């Protein structure tokens, strides 16, 4: 069920372009979603499901500023290969993707695209370092930081963080049915407050699932439903 999650410039929670959120089976970046915003406020009124995120990810870039372009690419690939070989032992994974994440392996790392760095004569590859959440972001961040520091440099290549840590969730659509049940319970409760002569009409439950970061370790998933109380 784990397909593979990083955002293009995923640092803090920020809005993203509209995505097709239907039938997602893999792991996605929480902030790489059209409705993601800053942490949900106490005034959030929608009914939904709040749960712990599955992992934390840190965006990084493997970069080199050697004068020769071919040399830069060889140095970056050498350092990336060393990182992949160390990842399992460090309790982390290297992953890539703008929305749904995929694991970077020894079989596919040379398929990653190079881009020009911010400085002249610089090449880089951007991806994520992912660590499972074991109750605290601090623990995940510690494993990620230790891993980054432990990867040996190759020539003028190095690893740099690019932004802050964010969260992921695996197969968010699996939570649709529980959310529908929560909405139904809330709608019936509201209708009952008006007496036995009133019922409720619910719409929007066929809309795409939406998620946002709710706290340092939690996500909030909901469907943009609406309901109205009417006489029977």
C-alpha atoms as a PDB file:
ATOM      1  CA  UNK A   1       0.000   0.000   0.000  1.00  0.00           C
ATOM      2  CA  UNK A   2       2.982   2.241   0.153  1.00  0.00           C
ATOM      3  CA  UNK A   3       3.509   3.961  -3.052  1.00  0.00           C
ATOM      4  CA  UNK A   4       6.027   6.708  -2.730  1.00  0.00           C
ATOM      5  CA  UNK A   5       5.653  11.309  -1.035  1.00  0.00           C
ATOM      6  CA  UNK A   6       7.760  15.331  -1.325  1.00  0.00           C
ATOM      7  CA  UNK A   7       6.674  18.621  -2.261  1.00  0.00           C
ATOM      8  CA  UNK A   8       8.369  20.807  -4.733  1.00  0.00           C
ATOM      9  CA  UNK A   9       8.980  23.465  -2.173  1.00  0.00           C
ATOM     10  CA  UNK A  10       7.432  21.810   0.808  1.00  0.00           C
ATOM     11  CA  UNK A  11       8.470  23.554   3.893  1.00  0.00           C
ATOM     12  CA  UNK A  12       5.675  24.917   6.053  1.00  0.00           C
ATOM     13  CA  UNK A  13       2.079  24.119   5.259  1.00  0.00           C
ATOM     14  CA  UNK A  14       0.934  26.071   2.243  1.00  0.00           C
ATOM     15  CA  UNK A  15      -1.757  25.863  -0.418  1.00  0.00           C
ATOM     16  CA  UNK A  16      -1.014  23.767  -3.489  1.00  0.00           C
ATOM     17  CA  UNK A  17      -2.526  23.368  -6.923  1.00  0.00           C
ATOM     18  CA  UNK A  18      -5.620  21.221  -7.318  1.00  0.00           C
ATOM     19  CA  UNK A  19      -4.907  17.508  -7.368  1.00  0.00           C
ATOM     20  CA  UNK A  20      -6.899  14.426  -8.288  1.00  0.00           C
ATOM     21  CA  UNK A  21      -7.275  12.919  -4.829  1.00  0.00           C
ATOM     22  CA  UNK A  22      -9.406   9.952  -5.847  1.00  0.00           C
ATOM     23  CA  UNK A  23      -8.312   6.350  -5.349  1.00  0.00           C
ATOM     24  CA  UNK A  24      -4.952   7.163  -3.811  1.00  0.00           C
ATOM     25  CA  UNK A  25      -3.295   3.967  -2.605  1.00  0.00           C
ATOM     26  CA  UNK A  26       0.157   5.246  -1.710  1.00  0.00           C
ATOM     27  CA  UNK A  27       1.730   7.713   0.672  1.00  0.00           C
ATOM     28  CA  UNK A  28       1.193  11.418   0.098  1.00  0.00           C
ATOM     29  CA  UNK A  29       2.628  14.634   1.457  1.00  0.00           C
ATOM     30  CA  UNK A  30       0.101  16.341   3.695  1.00  0.00           C
ATOM     31  CA  UNK A  31       0.965  19.826   2.432  1.00  0.00           C
ATOM     32  CA  UNK A  32       1.012  18.739  -1.225  1.00  0.00           C
ATOM     33  CA  UNK A  33      -2.746  19.040  -1.383  1.00  0.00           C
ATOM     34  CA  UNK A  34      -4.964  21.814  -2.639  1.00  0.00           C
ATOM     35  CA  UNK A  35      -6.735  22.481   0.673  1.00  0.00           C
ATOM     36  CA  UNK A  36      -3.744  22.261   2.982  1.00  0.00           C
ATOM     37  CA  UNK A  37      -3.101  25.401   4.954  1.00  0.00           C
ATOM     38  CA  UNK A  38      -1.588  26.337   8.282  1.00  0.00           C
ATOM     39  CA  UNK A  39      -2.492  24.163  11.251  1.00  0.00           C
ATOM     40  CA  UNK A  40      -6.248  23.961  11.647  1.00  0.00           C
ATOM     41  CA  UNK A  41      -7.608  26.582  14.005  1.00  0.00           C
ATOM     42  CA  UNK A  42      -9.832  25.952  17.000  1.00  0.00           C
ATOM     43  CA  UNK A  43     -12.656  27.470  14.961  1.00  0.00           C
ATOM     44  CA  UNK A  44     -12.548  24.640  12.417  1.00  0.00           C
ATOM     45  CA  UNK A  45     -16.191  23.582  12.140  1.00  0.00           C
ATOM     46  CA  UNK A  46     -16.201  20.697   9.677  1.00  0.00           C
ATOM     47  CA  UNK A  47     -16.717  17.165  10.898  1.00  0.00           C
ATOM     48  CA  UNK A  48     -13.801  14.934  10.027  1.00  0.00           C
ATOM     49  CA  UNK A  49     -11.197  12.533  11.320  1.00  0.00           C
ATOM     50  CA  UNK A  50      -8.122  13.604  13.249  1.00  0.00           C
ATOM     51  CA  UNK A  51      -5.316  11.031  13.410  1.00  0.00           C
ATOM     52  CA  UNK A  52      -1.569  10.689  13.737  1.00  0.00           C
ATOM     53  CA  UNK A  53       0.457  11.118  10.564  1.00  0.00           C
ATOM     54  CA  UNK A  54       2.427   8.130   9.287  1.00  0.00           C
ATOM     55  CA  UNK A  55       5.820   9.717   8.673  1.00  0.00           C
ATOM     56  CA  UNK A  56       7.800  12.935   8.718  1.00  0.00           C
ATOM     57  CA  UNK A  57       9.824  14.049   5.705  1.00  0.00           C
ATOM     58  CA  UNK A  58      12.671  16.515   5.364  1.00  0.00           C
ATOM     59  CA  UNK A  59      13.335  18.020   1.920  1.00  0.00           C
ATOM     60  CA  UNK A  60      17.009  17.883   0.986  1.00  0.00           C
ATOM     61  CA  UNK A  61      19.197  18.433  -2.034  1.00  0.00           C
ATOM     62  CA  UNK A  62      22.324  16.615  -3.121  1.00  0.00           C
ATOM     63  CA  UNK A  63      24.482  19.296  -4.707  1.00  0.00           C
ATOM     64  CA  UNK A  64      27.953  19.811  -6.185  1.00  0.00           C
ATOM     65  CA  UNK A  65      29.761  22.908  -7.471  1.00  0.00           C
ATOM     66  CA  UNK A  66      32.698  21.231  -9.175  1.00  0.00           C
ATOM     67  CA  UNK A  67      33.695  23.144 -12.319  1.00  0.00           C
ATOM     68  CA  UNK A  68      33.051  20.274 -14.738  1.00  0.00           C
ATOM     69  CA  UNK A  69      29.390  19.275 -15.179  1.00  0.00           C
ATOM     70  CA  UNK A  70      30.108  15.570 -15.676  1.00  0.00           C
ATOM     71  CA  UNK A  71      32.224  15.597 -12.527  1.00  0.00           C
ATOM     72  CA  UNK A  72      29.391  17.246 -10.585  1.00  0.00           C
ATOM     73  CA  UNK A  73      26.955  14.541 -11.666  1.00  0.00           C
ATOM     74  CA  UNK A  74      29.376  11.730 -10.785  1.00  0.00           C
ATOM     75  CA  UNK A  75      29.957  13.235  -7.324  1.00  0.00           C
ATOM     76  CA  UNK A  76      26.236  13.623  -6.657  1.00  0.00           C
ATOM     77  CA  UNK A  77      25.506  10.068  -7.806  1.00  0.00           C
ATOM     78  CA  UNK A  78      28.316   8.703  -5.631  1.00  0.00           C
ATOM     79  CA  UNK A  79      26.997  10.501  -2.559  1.00  0.00           C
ATOM     80  CA  UNK A  80      23.422   9.500  -3.327  1.00  0.00           C
ATOM     81  CA  UNK A  81      24.440   5.858  -3.668  1.00  0.00           C
ATOM     82  CA  UNK A  82      26.226   6.035  -0.295  1.00  0.00           C
ATOM     83  CA  UNK A  83      23.103   7.572   1.260  1.00  0.00           C
ATOM     84  CA  UNK A  84      20.842   4.819  -0.090  1.00  0.00           C
ATOM     85  CA  UNK A  85      23.149   2.126   1.298  1.00  0.00           C
ATOM     86  CA  UNK A  86      23.055   3.748   4.752  1.00  0.00           C
ATOM     87  CA  UNK A  87      19.346   4.566   4.882  1.00  0.00           C
ATOM     88  CA  UNK A  88      17.921   1.290   6.237  1.00  0.00           C
ATOM     89  CA  UNK A  89      20.476   1.118   9.025  1.00  0.00           C
ATOM     90  CA  UNK A  90      19.654   4.701   9.995  1.00  0.00           C
ATOM     91  CA  UNK A  91      15.910   4.025  10.144  1.00  0.00           C
ATOM     92  CA  UNK A  92      15.067   6.344   7.242  1.00  0.00           C
ATOM     93  CA  UNK A  93      14.148   6.188   3.544  1.00  0.00           C
ATOM     94  CA  UNK A  94      14.946   8.404   0.600  1.00  0.00           C
ATOM     95  CA  UNK A  95      11.787   9.239  -1.347  1.00  0.00           C
ATOM     96  CA  UNK A  96      10.808  11.448  -4.249  1.00  0.00           C
ATOM     97  CA  UNK A  97       7.626  12.841  -5.769  1.00  0.00           C
ATOM     98  CA  UNK A  98       5.578  16.025  -6.053  1.00  0.00           C
ATOM     99  CA  UNK A  99       2.435  14.497  -4.562  1.00  0.00           C
ATOM    100  CA  UNK A 100       2.529  10.720  -4.146  1.00  0.00           C
ATOM    101  CA  UNK A 101       5.894   9.459  -2.936  1.00  0.00           C
ATOM    102  CA  UNK A 102       8.127   6.753  -4.357  1.00  0.00           C
ATOM    103  CA  UNK A 103      11.159   5.168  -2.737  1.00  0.00           C
ATOM    104  CA  UNK A 104      14.592   5.971  -4.173  1.00  0.00           C
ATOM    105  CA  UNK A 105      16.629   2.780  -4.562  1.00  0.00           C
ATOM    106  CA  UNK A 106      19.901   1.587  -6.032  1.00  0.00           C
ATOM    107  CA  UNK A 107      17.893   0.471  -9.059  1.00  0.00           C
ATOM    108  CA  UNK A 108      16.323   3.848  -9.851  1.00  0.00           C
ATOM    109  CA  UNK A 109      18.431   6.657  -8.361  1.00  0.00           C
ATOM    110  CA  UNK A 110      20.198   7.372 -11.655  1.00  0.00           C
ATOM    111  CA  UNK A 111      16.801   8.117 -13.213  1.00  0.00           C
ATOM    112  CA  UNK A 112      16.354  11.178 -10.982  1.00  0.00           C
ATOM    113  CA  UNK A 113      16.585  14.462 -12.900  1.00  0.00           C
ATOM    114  CA  UNK A 114      19.405  16.924 -12.271  1.00  0.00           C
ATOM    115  CA  UNK A 115      18.612  20.614 -11.983  1.00  0.00           C
ATOM    116  CA  UNK A 116      20.760  23.727 -11.928  1.00  0.00           C
ATOM    117  CA  UNK A 117      21.593  25.055  -8.491  1.00  0.00           C
ATOM    118  CA  UNK A 118      21.179  28.615  -7.277  1.00  0.00           C
ATOM    119  CA  UNK A 119      24.893  29.304  -7.811  1.00  0.00           C
ATOM    120  CA  UNK A 120      26.759  29.199 -11.140  1.00  0.00           C
ATOM    121  CA  UNK A 121      28.303  25.860 -12.131  1.00  0.00           C
ATOM    122  CA  UNK A 122      26.161  23.966  -9.626  1.00  0.00           C
ATOM    123  CA  UNK A 123      24.055  20.845 -10.169  1.00  0.00           C
ATOM    124  CA  UNK A 124      21.627  19.276  -7.709  1.00  0.00           C
ATOM    125  CA  UNK A 125      19.008  16.596  -7.154  1.00  0.00           C
ATOM    126  CA  UNK A 126      16.153  17.298  -4.746  1.00  0.00           C
ATOM    127  CA  UNK A 127      14.303  14.639  -2.770  1.00  0.00           C
ATOM    128  CA  UNK A 128      13.159  13.791   0.770  1.00  0.00           C
ATOM    129  CA  UNK A 129      14.498  11.931   3.766  1.00  0.00           C
ATOM    130  CA  UNK A 130      11.582  10.136   5.440  1.00  0.00           C
ATOM    131  CA  UNK A 131      11.339   8.759   8.981  1.00  0.00           C
ATOM    132  CA  UNK A 132       8.370   7.016  10.575  1.00  0.00           C
ATOM    133  CA  UNK A 133       6.688   8.903  13.398  1.00  0.00           C
ATOM    134  CA  UNK A 134       7.196   7.108  16.682  1.00  0.00           C
ATOM    135  CA  UNK A 135       5.165   9.529  18.763  1.00  0.00           C
ATOM    136  CA  UNK A 136       7.200  12.671  18.251  1.00  0.00           C
ATOM    137  CA  UNK A 137       8.474  14.794  15.413  1.00  0.00           C
ATOM    138  CA  UNK A 138      11.606  15.420  17.478  1.00  0.00           C
ATOM    139  CA  UNK A 139      12.542  11.734  17.368  1.00  0.00           C
ATOM    140  CA  UNK A 140      12.009  11.580  13.606  1.00  0.00           C
ATOM    141  CA  UNK A 141      13.949  14.792  13.091  1.00  0.00           C
ATOM    142  CA  UNK A 142      16.806  13.418  15.178  1.00  0.00           C
ATOM    143  CA  UNK A 143      17.078  10.307  13.015  1.00  0.00           C
ATOM    144  CA  UNK A 144      16.917  12.382   9.855  1.00  0.00           C
ATOM    145  CA  UNK A 145      19.579  14.835  11.063  1.00  0.00           C
ATOM    146  CA  UNK A 146      21.900  12.041  12.192  1.00  0.00           C
ATOM    147  CA  UNK A 147      21.504  10.347   8.815  1.00  0.00           C
ATOM    148  CA  UNK A 148      22.280  13.534   6.871  1.00  0.00           C
ATOM    149  CA  UNK A 149      25.410  14.166   8.936  1.00  0.00           C
ATOM    150  CA  UNK A 150      26.570  10.575   8.535  1.00  0.00           C
ATOM    151  CA  UNK A 151      26.591  10.376   4.735  1.00  0.00           C
ATOM    152  CA  UNK A 152      30.211  10.782   3.569  1.00  0.00           C
ATOM    153  CA  UNK A 153      30.845  13.568   1.025  1.00  0.00           C
ATOM    154  CA  UNK A 154      32.118  12.753  -2.435  1.00  0.00           C
ATOM    155  CA  UNK A 155      34.456  15.369  -3.902  1.00  0.00           C
ATOM    156  CA  UNK A 156      32.608  18.683  -3.670  1.00  0.00           C
ATOM    157  CA  UNK A 157      29.178  17.065  -3.268  1.00  0.00           C
ATOM    158  CA  UNK A 158      27.157  17.574  -0.104  1.00  0.00           C
ATOM    159  CA  UNK A 159      23.626  17.255   1.298  1.00  0.00           C
ATOM    160  CA  UNK A 160      21.721  20.367   2.308  1.00  0.00           C
ATOM    161  CA  UNK A 161      18.293  20.756   3.899  1.00  0.00           C
ATOM    162  CA  UNK A 162      15.857  22.807   1.869  1.00  0.00           C
ATOM    163  CA  UNK A 163      12.991  23.849   4.084  1.00  0.00           C
ATOM    164  CA  UNK A 164      11.329  22.417   7.147  1.00  0.00           C
ATOM    165  CA  UNK A 165       9.974  19.021   8.060  1.00  0.00           C
ATOM    166  CA  UNK A 166       6.413  18.070   7.103  1.00  0.00           C
ATOM    167  CA  UNK A 167       4.086  15.060   7.404  1.00  0.00           C
ATOM    168  CA  UNK A 168       2.820  12.207   5.236  1.00  0.00           C
ATOM    169  CA  UNK A 169      -0.210   9.951   5.287  1.00  0.00           C
ATOM    170  CA  UNK A 170      -0.633   6.540   3.648  1.00  0.00           C
ATOM    171  CA  UNK A 171      -3.700   5.766   1.531  1.00  0.00           C
ATOM    172  CA  UNK A 172      -5.875   8.634   2.816  1.00  0.00           C
ATOM    173  CA  UNK A 173      -8.946   7.377   0.951  1.00  0.00           C
ATOM    174  CA  UNK A 174      -9.202   4.435   3.368  1.00  0.00           C
ATOM    175  CA  UNK A 175     -10.687   6.910   5.866  1.00  0.00           C
ATOM    176  CA  UNK A 176     -13.614   7.974   3.655  1.00  0.00           C
ATOM    177  CA  UNK A 177     -16.164   5.549   5.137  1.00  0.00           C
ATOM    178  CA  UNK A 178     -15.407   6.468   8.780  1.00  0.00           C
ATOM    179  CA  UNK A 179     -15.692  10.162   7.875  1.00  0.00           C
ATOM    180  CA  UNK A 180     -19.065   9.620   6.153  1.00  0.00           C
ATOM    181  CA  UNK A 181     -20.315   7.917   9.322  1.00  0.00           C
ATOM    182  CA  UNK A 182     -19.152  10.869  11.438  1.00  0.00           C
ATOM    183  CA  UNK A 183     -20.954  13.299   9.128  1.00  0.00           C
ATOM    184  CA  UNK A 184     -24.137  11.208   9.236  1.00  0.00           C
ATOM    185  CA  UNK A 185     -24.100  11.119  13.029  1.00  0.00           C
ATOM    186  CA  UNK A 186     -23.629  14.898  13.226  1.00  0.00           C
ATOM    187  CA  UNK A 187     -26.387  15.565  10.686  1.00  0.00           C
ATOM    188  CA  UNK A 188     -28.895  13.313  12.489  1.00  0.00           C
ATOM    189  CA  UNK A 189     -27.995  14.856  15.842  1.00  0.00           C
ATOM    190  CA  UNK A 190     -28.600  18.340  14.468  1.00  0.00           C
ATOM    191  CA  UNK A 191     -31.959  17.353  12.915  1.00  0.00           C
ATOM    192  CA  UNK A 192     -33.078  15.730  16.180  1.00  0.00           C
ATOM    193  CA  UNK A 193     -32.589  19.031  17.993  1.00  0.00           C
ATOM    194  CA  UNK A 194     -35.465  20.457  15.948  1.00  0.00           C
ATOM    195  CA  UNK A 195     -37.874  17.687  16.942  1.00  0.00           C
ATOM    196  CA  UNK A 196     -39.320  14.508  15.398  1.00  0.00           C
ATOM    197  CA  UNK A 197     -40.961  16.385  12.523  1.00  0.00           C
ATOM    198  CA  UNK A 198     -37.636  17.341  11.009  1.00  0.00           C
ATOM    199  CA  UNK A 199     -35.139  15.430   8.915  1.00  0.00           C
ATOM    200  CA  UNK A 200     -31.862  16.249   7.241  1.00  0.00           C
ATOM    201  CA  UNK A 201     -30.589  16.391   3.664  1.00  0.00           C
ATOM    202  CA  UNK A 202     -26.854  15.855   3.148  1.00  0.00           C
ATOM    203  CA  UNK A 203     -24.884  16.744   0.016  1.00  0.00           C
ATOM    204  CA  UNK A 204     -21.245  16.744  -1.020  1.00  0.00           C
ATOM    205  CA  UNK A 205     -20.256  13.306   0.260  1.00  0.00           C
ATOM    206  CA  UNK A 206     -19.119  12.378  -3.241  1.00  0.00           C
ATOM    207  CA  UNK A 207     -16.494  15.151  -3.166  1.00  0.00           C
ATOM    208  CA  UNK A 208     -12.783  14.402  -2.964  1.00  0.00           C
ATOM    209  CA  UNK A 209     -11.241  13.757   0.410  1.00  0.00           C
ATOM    210  CA  UNK A 210      -9.281  16.694   1.798  1.00  0.00           C
ATOM    211  CA  UNK A 211      -6.527  16.692   4.385  1.00  0.00           C
ATOM    212  CA  UNK A 212      -4.571  19.311   6.286  1.00  0.00           C
ATOM    213  CA  UNK A 213      -2.004  19.387   9.054  1.00  0.00           C
ATOM    214  CA  UNK A 214      -3.705  19.651  12.434  1.00  0.00           C
ATOM    215  CA  UNK A 215      -0.706  19.684  14.779  1.00  0.00           C
ATOM    216  CA  UNK A 216       2.989  18.869  14.783  1.00  0.00           C
ATOM    217  CA  UNK A 217       2.166  15.149  14.480  1.00  0.00           C
ATOM    218  CA  UNK A 218      -1.478  14.936  13.357  1.00  0.00           C
ATOM    219  CA  UNK A 219      -3.527  15.366  10.217  1.00  0.00           C
ATOM    220  CA  UNK A 220      -7.212  16.195   9.811  1.00  0.00           C
ATOM    221  CA  UNK A 221      -9.159  14.507   7.002  1.00  0.00           C
ATOM    222  CA  UNK A 222     -12.620  15.566   5.877  1.00  0.00           C
ATOM    223  CA  UNK A 223     -15.079  15.714   2.994  1.00  0.00           C
ATOM    224  CA  UNK A 224     -16.546  19.151   2.110  1.00  0.00           C
ATOM    225  CA  UNK A 225     -20.096  18.112   2.930  1.00  0.00           C
ATOM    226  CA  UNK A 226     -23.097  20.345   3.587  1.00  0.00           C
ATOM    227  CA  UNK A 227     -26.466  19.546   5.077  1.00  0.00           C
ATOM    228  CA  UNK A 228     -29.769  21.285   5.693  1.00  0.00           C
ATOM    229  CA  UNK A 229     -32.523  20.523   8.227  1.00  0.00           C
ATOM    230  CA  UNK A 230     -36.007  20.376   6.703  1.00  0.00           C
ATOM    231  CA  UNK A 231     -39.523  19.369   7.743  1.00  0.00           C
ATOM    232  CA  UNK A 232     -40.291  15.736   6.883  1.00  0.00           C
END
